């Protein structure tokens, strides 16, 4: 194994498009439920129905928050791994 082996990019190292799509999806759901709740409230809908929609909206907002936290955590972890990888590359170059 040579130091150059460490510098070749991993062909499986690709960014996921699923996570941003899921974040957008949860945000759109929360927005649509919020708009529906507003329309229902203005039309005098039963409080139980509004409460149910409120719970659905809260779950969608919680989904956005949870996914966002996971994305941030994964990025921090990836940055740490990049630092470790660079240290390993320097070490590999130093060895005979």
Protein backbone atom coordinates (compact mmCIF):
# COMPACT_ATOMS: atom_id res chain seq x y z
CA UNK A 1 0.00 0.00 0.00
CA UNK A 2 1.32 3.43 -0.91
CA UNK A 3 0.36 6.91 0.29
CA UNK A 4 -1.31 7.48 -3.09
CA UNK A 5 -3.81 4.73 -2.24
CA UNK A 6 -5.22 7.00 0.45
CA UNK A 7 -5.80 9.91 -1.90
CA UNK A 8 -7.99 8.16 -4.45
CA UNK A 9 -11.61 9.13 -3.99
CA UNK A 10 -14.02 6.45 -2.95
CA UNK A 11 -16.44 5.78 -5.83
CA UNK A 12 -19.24 5.17 -3.33
CA UNK A 13 -18.71 8.57 -1.69
CA UNK A 14 -21.77 10.40 -3.00
CA UNK A 15 -24.17 12.81 -1.39
CA UNK A 16 -27.62 11.52 -0.64
CA UNK A 17 -30.50 13.33 -2.30
CA UNK A 18 -33.03 11.57 -0.07
CA UNK A 19 -32.36 13.62 3.06
CA UNK A 20 -32.94 17.08 1.56
CA UNK A 21 -36.00 15.72 -0.22
CA UNK A 22 -37.36 14.36 3.06
CA UNK A 23 -36.71 17.69 4.80
CA UNK A 24 -38.54 19.54 2.04
CA UNK A 25 -41.38 17.01 2.13
CA UNK A 26 -41.89 17.38 5.89
CA UNK A 27 -41.76 21.18 5.59
CA UNK A 28 -44.32 21.17 2.77
CA UNK A 29 -46.61 18.86 4.76
CA UNK A 30 -46.39 21.12 7.81
CA UNK A 31 -47.13 24.18 5.67
CA UNK A 32 -50.11 22.58 3.95
CA UNK A 33 -51.56 21.37 7.23
CA UNK A 34 -51.07 24.86 8.67
CA UNK A 35 -52.94 26.41 5.74
CA UNK A 36 -55.71 23.83 6.07
CA UNK A 37 -56.00 24.49 9.80
CA UNK A 38 -56.33 28.22 9.15
CA UNK A 39 -59.08 27.62 6.59
CA UNK A 40 -60.84 25.15 8.89
CA UNK A 41 -60.68 27.54 11.84
CA UNK A 42 -62.12 30.38 9.78
CA UNK A 43 -64.98 28.18 8.60
CA UNK A 44 -65.84 27.16 12.17
CA UNK A 45 -64.66 23.54 12.13
CA UNK A 46 -64.99 21.43 15.28
CA UNK A 47 -62.16 21.83 17.82
CA UNK A 48 -61.39 18.07 17.80
CA UNK A 49 -60.67 18.23 14.08
CA UNK A 50 -58.38 21.23 14.58
CA UNK A 51 -56.61 19.41 17.41
CA UNK A 52 -56.03 16.37 15.19
CA UNK A 53 -54.59 18.54 12.43
CA UNK A 54 -52.45 20.34 15.00
CA UNK A 55 -50.97 17.04 16.12
CA UNK A 56 -50.21 16.09 12.49
CA UNK A 57 -48.55 19.46 11.94
CA UNK A 58 -46.51 19.11 15.14
CA UNK A 59 -45.32 15.67 14.00
CA UNK A 60 -44.27 17.07 10.62
CA UNK A 61 -42.36 19.90 12.30
CA UNK A 62 -40.73 17.38 14.66
CA UNK A 63 -39.73 15.33 11.60
CA UNK A 64 -38.06 18.37 10.05
CA UNK A 65 -36.21 19.09 13.30
CA UNK A 66 -35.07 15.49 13.75
CA UNK A 67 -33.84 15.15 10.18
CA UNK A 68 -32.08 18.51 10.34
CA UNK A 69 -30.30 17.45 13.53
CA UNK A 70 -29.21 14.19 11.90
CA UNK A 71 -27.90 15.98 8.82
CA UNK A 72 -25.89 18.41 10.93
CA UNK A 73 -24.51 15.56 13.05
CA UNK A 74 -23.51 13.58 9.96
CA UNK A 75 -21.72 16.60 8.49
CA UNK A 76 -19.78 17.21 11.70
CA UNK A 77 -18.84 13.52 11.80
CA UNK A 78 -17.74 13.63 8.14
CA UNK A 79 -15.56 16.66 8.85
CA UNK A 80 -13.90 14.84 11.75
CA UNK A 81 -13.29 11.81 9.54
CA UNK A 82 -11.75 14.05 6.88
CA UNK A 83 -9.32 15.43 9.45
CA UNK A 84 -8.45 11.90 10.58
CA UNK A 85 -7.99 10.81 6.96
CA UNK A 86 -5.66 13.71 6.26
CA UNK A 87 -3.61 12.81 9.35
CA UNK A 88 -3.41 9.21 8.14
CA UNK A 89 -2.27 10.39 4.70
CA UNK A 90 0.48 12.53 6.25
CA UNK A 91 1.55 9.57 8.39
CA UNK A 92 1.59 7.26 5.36
CA UNK A 93 3.79 9.75 3.43
CA UNK A 94 6.18 9.94 6.36
CA UNK A 95 6.72 6.18 6.51
CA UNK A 96 9.36 4.65 4.21
